[in-house]
């Protein structure tokens, strides 16, 4: 099994992404996407290990925010269709907080592969990239761009 702390730093280097350890074992990666005009757009991916004592397994967990869910406003039908494009990732709604600290629900892209199944940095990088890419597309398409 990969050492997560070492592997996630290698993934950040591979993508030329900024990486911060927010708390022990919890990372944010600011993944750059090159645009046709040569400029870059960025998408944060958060990463950590989840230990499931019930199943006695560890999971590498990744998520990226897309936008604030608003019942009756957010296009859930088309978001559900978008979920079909993910190979490693899925789209969900998670409890979150707005910048002012008030509670909200946020549309996120997430992936949580079983840690022992990920054998290479390339596999890990593919998963991180997909989470970032799908979140960036959804953020742009359904939430008006980079606001999260």
C-alpha atoms as a PDB file:
ATOM      1  CA  UNK A   1       0.000   0.000   0.000  1.00  0.00           C
ATOM      2  CA  UNK A   2       1.199   3.519  -0.756  1.00  0.00           C
ATOM      3  CA  UNK A   3       2.280   5.803   2.057  1.00  0.00           C
ATOM      4  CA  UNK A   4      -0.429   8.457   1.705  1.00  0.00           C
ATOM      5  CA  UNK A   5       1.568  11.413   3.042  1.00  0.00           C
ATOM      6  CA  UNK A   6       4.419  10.747   0.628  1.00  0.00           C
ATOM      7  CA  UNK A   7       2.204   9.771  -2.312  1.00  0.00           C
ATOM      8  CA  UNK A   8      -0.066  12.827  -2.186  1.00  0.00           C
ATOM      9  CA  UNK A   9       3.004  15.092  -2.213  1.00  0.00           C
ATOM     10  CA  UNK A  10       4.294  13.245  -5.291  1.00  0.00           C
ATOM     11  CA  UNK A  11       0.912  13.739  -6.981  1.00  0.00           C
ATOM     12  CA  UNK A  12       1.083  17.476  -6.221  1.00  0.00           C
ATOM     13  CA  UNK A  13       4.567  17.634  -7.753  1.00  0.00           C
ATOM     14  CA  UNK A  14       3.382  15.722 -10.834  1.00  0.00           C
ATOM     15  CA  UNK A  15       0.640  18.325 -11.453  1.00  0.00           C
ATOM     16  CA  UNK A  16       2.726  21.320 -10.353  1.00  0.00           C
ATOM     17  CA  UNK A  17       0.000  21.901  -7.755  1.00  0.00           C
ATOM     18  CA  UNK A  18       0.288  23.883  -4.561  1.00  0.00           C
ATOM     19  CA  UNK A  19      -0.173  21.582  -1.565  1.00  0.00           C
ATOM     20  CA  UNK A  20      -0.870  22.479   2.067  1.00  0.00           C
ATOM     21  CA  UNK A  21      -1.223  20.233   5.081  1.00  0.00           C
ATOM     22  CA  UNK A  22      -4.288  21.757   6.757  1.00  0.00           C
ATOM     23  CA  UNK A  23      -4.042  19.496   9.803  1.00  0.00           C
ATOM     24  CA  UNK A  24      -2.079  16.283  10.373  1.00  0.00           C
ATOM     25  CA  UNK A  25      -2.786  14.022   7.385  1.00  0.00           C
ATOM     26  CA  UNK A  26      -5.333  16.376   5.751  1.00  0.00           C
ATOM     27  CA  UNK A  27      -4.189  18.094   2.558  1.00  0.00           C
ATOM     28  CA  UNK A  28      -5.448  20.618   0.050  1.00  0.00           C
ATOM     29  CA  UNK A  29      -4.091  20.548  -3.484  1.00  0.00           C
ATOM     30  CA  UNK A  30      -4.664  23.499  -5.807  1.00  0.00           C
ATOM     31  CA  UNK A  31      -4.705  21.730  -9.183  1.00  0.00           C
ATOM     32  CA  UNK A  32      -3.918  23.952 -12.206  1.00  0.00           C
ATOM     33  CA  UNK A  33      -5.720  23.505 -15.531  1.00  0.00           C
ATOM     34  CA  UNK A  34      -4.105  25.083 -18.583  1.00  0.00           C
ATOM     35  CA  UNK A  35      -6.613  26.921 -20.758  1.00  0.00           C
ATOM     36  CA  UNK A  36      -6.433  27.345 -24.536  1.00  0.00           C
ATOM     37  CA  UNK A  37      -5.248  30.939 -24.164  1.00  0.00           C
ATOM     38  CA  UNK A  38      -2.296  29.787 -22.029  1.00  0.00           C
ATOM     39  CA  UNK A  39      -3.726  31.013 -18.732  1.00  0.00           C
ATOM     40  CA  UNK A  40      -4.607  28.694 -15.863  1.00  0.00           C
ATOM     41  CA  UNK A  41      -7.679  27.953 -13.800  1.00  0.00           C
ATOM     42  CA  UNK A  42      -7.411  26.150 -10.466  1.00  0.00           C
ATOM     43  CA  UNK A  43      -9.503  23.626  -8.548  1.00  0.00           C
ATOM     44  CA  UNK A  44      -8.971  22.648  -4.915  1.00  0.00           C
ATOM     45  CA  UNK A  45      -9.001  18.965  -4.026  1.00  0.00           C
ATOM     46  CA  UNK A  46      -8.982  17.956  -0.361  1.00  0.00           C
ATOM     47  CA  UNK A  47      -7.388  14.632   0.560  1.00  0.00           C
ATOM     48  CA  UNK A  48      -7.030  12.416   3.631  1.00  0.00           C
ATOM     49  CA  UNK A  49      -7.238   8.814   4.809  1.00  0.00           C
ATOM     50  CA  UNK A  50     -10.465   7.424   6.270  1.00  0.00           C
ATOM     51  CA  UNK A  51     -10.233   4.437   8.598  1.00  0.00           C
ATOM     52  CA  UNK A  52     -13.355   2.281   8.596  1.00  0.00           C
ATOM     53  CA  UNK A  53     -13.179   0.084  11.689  1.00  0.00           C
ATOM     54  CA  UNK A  54     -16.403  -1.730  10.769  1.00  0.00           C
ATOM     55  CA  UNK A  55     -14.958  -3.000   7.483  1.00  0.00           C
ATOM     56  CA  UNK A  56     -11.392  -2.958   8.821  1.00  0.00           C
ATOM     57  CA  UNK A  57     -10.183  -1.009   5.778  1.00  0.00           C
ATOM     58  CA  UNK A  58      -8.538   2.305   4.995  1.00  0.00           C
ATOM     59  CA  UNK A  59      -9.746   4.531   2.178  1.00  0.00           C
ATOM     60  CA  UNK A  60      -8.021   7.405   0.418  1.00  0.00           C
ATOM     61  CA  UNK A  61     -10.674  10.133   0.402  1.00  0.00           C
ATOM     62  CA  UNK A  62     -10.745  13.066  -2.022  1.00  0.00           C
ATOM     63  CA  UNK A  63     -13.327  15.785  -2.548  1.00  0.00           C
ATOM     64  CA  UNK A  64     -13.732  19.059  -4.367  1.00  0.00           C
ATOM     65  CA  UNK A  65     -16.471  21.648  -3.975  1.00  0.00           C
ATOM     66  CA  UNK A  66     -18.600  22.657  -6.960  1.00  0.00           C
ATOM     67  CA  UNK A  67     -21.202  25.019  -5.524  1.00  0.00           C
ATOM     68  CA  UNK A  68     -23.879  25.559  -2.898  1.00  0.00           C
ATOM     69  CA  UNK A  69     -26.917  23.304  -3.288  1.00  0.00           C
ATOM     70  CA  UNK A  70     -30.211  25.198  -3.332  1.00  0.00           C
ATOM     71  CA  UNK A  71     -33.385  23.105  -3.372  1.00  0.00           C
ATOM     72  CA  UNK A  72     -35.505  24.021  -6.375  1.00  0.00           C
ATOM     73  CA  UNK A  73     -32.653  26.005  -7.957  1.00  0.00           C
ATOM     74  CA  UNK A  74     -29.800  23.521  -8.390  1.00  0.00           C
ATOM     75  CA  UNK A  75     -30.259  21.388 -11.513  1.00  0.00           C
ATOM     76  CA  UNK A  76     -30.201  17.998  -9.793  1.00  0.00           C
ATOM     77  CA  UNK A  77     -31.453  16.113 -12.861  1.00  0.00           C
ATOM     78  CA  UNK A  78     -28.496  17.152 -14.995  1.00  0.00           C
ATOM     79  CA  UNK A  79     -26.056  16.776 -12.094  1.00  0.00           C
ATOM     80  CA  UNK A  80     -27.219  13.177 -11.773  1.00  0.00           C
ATOM     81  CA  UNK A  81     -26.577  12.697 -15.491  1.00  0.00           C
ATOM     82  CA  UNK A  82     -23.090  14.221 -15.073  1.00  0.00           C
ATOM     83  CA  UNK A  83     -22.364  11.630 -12.369  1.00  0.00           C
ATOM     84  CA  UNK A  84     -22.400   8.989 -15.097  1.00  0.00           C
ATOM     85  CA  UNK A  85     -19.216  10.398 -16.630  1.00  0.00           C
ATOM     86  CA  UNK A  86     -17.046   9.619 -13.603  1.00  0.00           C
ATOM     87  CA  UNK A  87     -14.899   6.508 -13.639  1.00  0.00           C
ATOM     88  CA  UNK A  88     -13.377   6.924 -10.184  1.00  0.00           C
ATOM     89  CA  UNK A  89     -15.528   9.730  -8.820  1.00  0.00           C
ATOM     90  CA  UNK A  90     -19.118  10.459  -7.964  1.00  0.00           C
ATOM     91  CA  UNK A  91     -21.174  13.571  -7.263  1.00  0.00           C
ATOM     92  CA  UNK A  92     -22.942  14.072  -3.949  1.00  0.00           C
ATOM     93  CA  UNK A  93     -24.345  16.734  -1.641  1.00  0.00           C
ATOM     94  CA  UNK A  94     -22.508  17.223   1.650  1.00  0.00           C
ATOM     95  CA  UNK A  95     -23.038  19.276   4.795  1.00  0.00           C
ATOM     96  CA  UNK A  96     -20.788  22.337   4.695  1.00  0.00           C
ATOM     97  CA  UNK A  97     -20.483  25.926   5.890  1.00  0.00           C
ATOM     98  CA  UNK A  98     -20.618  29.223   4.041  1.00  0.00           C
ATOM     99  CA  UNK A  99     -17.715  31.680   4.463  1.00  0.00           C
ATOM    100  CA  UNK A 100     -19.698  33.398   7.250  1.00  0.00           C
ATOM    101  CA  UNK A 101     -19.910  30.087   9.151  1.00  0.00           C
ATOM    102  CA  UNK A 102     -23.600  29.431   8.560  1.00  0.00           C
ATOM    103  CA  UNK A 103     -24.533  25.864   7.583  1.00  0.00           C
ATOM    104  CA  UNK A 104     -25.291  24.916   3.995  1.00  0.00           C
ATOM    105  CA  UNK A 105     -25.201  21.940   1.684  1.00  0.00           C
ATOM    106  CA  UNK A 106     -22.589  21.810  -1.059  1.00  0.00           C
ATOM    107  CA  UNK A 107     -22.398  19.828  -4.274  1.00  0.00           C
ATOM    108  CA  UNK A 108     -19.060  18.002  -4.246  1.00  0.00           C
ATOM    109  CA  UNK A 109     -17.207  15.537  -6.408  1.00  0.00           C
ATOM    110  CA  UNK A 110     -15.624  12.796  -4.342  1.00  0.00           C
ATOM    111  CA  UNK A 111     -13.699   9.555  -4.644  1.00  0.00           C
ATOM    112  CA  UNK A 112     -12.788   7.061  -1.933  1.00  0.00           C
ATOM    113  CA  UNK A 113     -10.840   4.096  -3.272  1.00  0.00           C
ATOM    114  CA  UNK A 114      -9.798   1.329  -0.911  1.00  0.00           C
ATOM    115  CA  UNK A 115      -6.230   2.290  -0.040  1.00  0.00           C
ATOM    116  CA  UNK A 116      -4.709  -1.167  -0.497  1.00  0.00           C
ATOM    117  CA  UNK A 117      -6.047  -1.295  -4.070  1.00  0.00           C
ATOM    118  CA  UNK A 118      -4.059   1.767  -5.165  1.00  0.00           C
ATOM    119  CA  UNK A 119      -0.625   0.468  -6.130  1.00  0.00           C
ATOM    120  CA  UNK A 120       1.030   3.360  -7.987  1.00  0.00           C
ATOM    121  CA  UNK A 121       1.391   7.126  -7.920  1.00  0.00           C
ATOM    122  CA  UNK A 122      -0.066   7.166 -11.454  1.00  0.00           C
ATOM    123  CA  UNK A 123      -3.281   5.497 -10.252  1.00  0.00           C
ATOM    124  CA  UNK A 124      -3.562   7.958  -7.383  1.00  0.00           C
ATOM    125  CA  UNK A 125      -2.871  10.873  -9.724  1.00  0.00           C
ATOM    126  CA  UNK A 126      -5.585   9.713 -12.151  1.00  0.00           C
ATOM    127  CA  UNK A 127      -8.132   9.730  -9.335  1.00  0.00           C
ATOM    128  CA  UNK A 128      -7.094  13.158  -8.020  1.00  0.00           C
ATOM    129  CA  UNK A 129      -7.145  14.583 -11.554  1.00  0.00           C
ATOM    130  CA  UNK A 130     -10.631  13.232 -12.247  1.00  0.00           C
ATOM    131  CA  UNK A 131     -12.019  14.681  -9.011  1.00  0.00           C
ATOM    132  CA  UNK A 132     -10.533  18.094  -9.867  1.00  0.00           C
ATOM    133  CA  UNK A 133     -11.563  18.002 -13.522  1.00  0.00           C
ATOM    134  CA  UNK A 134     -15.162  16.893 -12.945  1.00  0.00           C
ATOM    135  CA  UNK A 135     -15.602  19.421 -10.120  1.00  0.00           C
ATOM    136  CA  UNK A 136     -14.199  22.197 -12.309  1.00  0.00           C
ATOM    137  CA  UNK A 137     -16.573  21.315 -15.158  1.00  0.00           C
ATOM    138  CA  UNK A 138     -19.613  21.167 -12.862  1.00  0.00           C
ATOM    139  CA  UNK A 139     -18.625  24.378 -11.094  1.00  0.00           C
ATOM    140  CA  UNK A 140     -18.388  26.176 -14.442  1.00  0.00           C
ATOM    141  CA  UNK A 141     -21.477  24.602 -16.027  1.00  0.00           C
ATOM    142  CA  UNK A 142     -23.957  24.742 -13.124  1.00  0.00           C
ATOM    143  CA  UNK A 143     -22.628  27.288 -10.628  1.00  0.00           C
ATOM    144  CA  UNK A 144     -21.226  30.074 -12.798  1.00  0.00           C
ATOM    145  CA  UNK A 145     -17.518  29.425 -12.428  1.00  0.00           C
ATOM    146  CA  UNK A 146     -14.841  29.621  -9.786  1.00  0.00           C
ATOM    147  CA  UNK A 147     -16.614  30.762  -6.619  1.00  0.00           C
ATOM    148  CA  UNK A 148     -15.623  27.992  -4.189  1.00  0.00           C
END
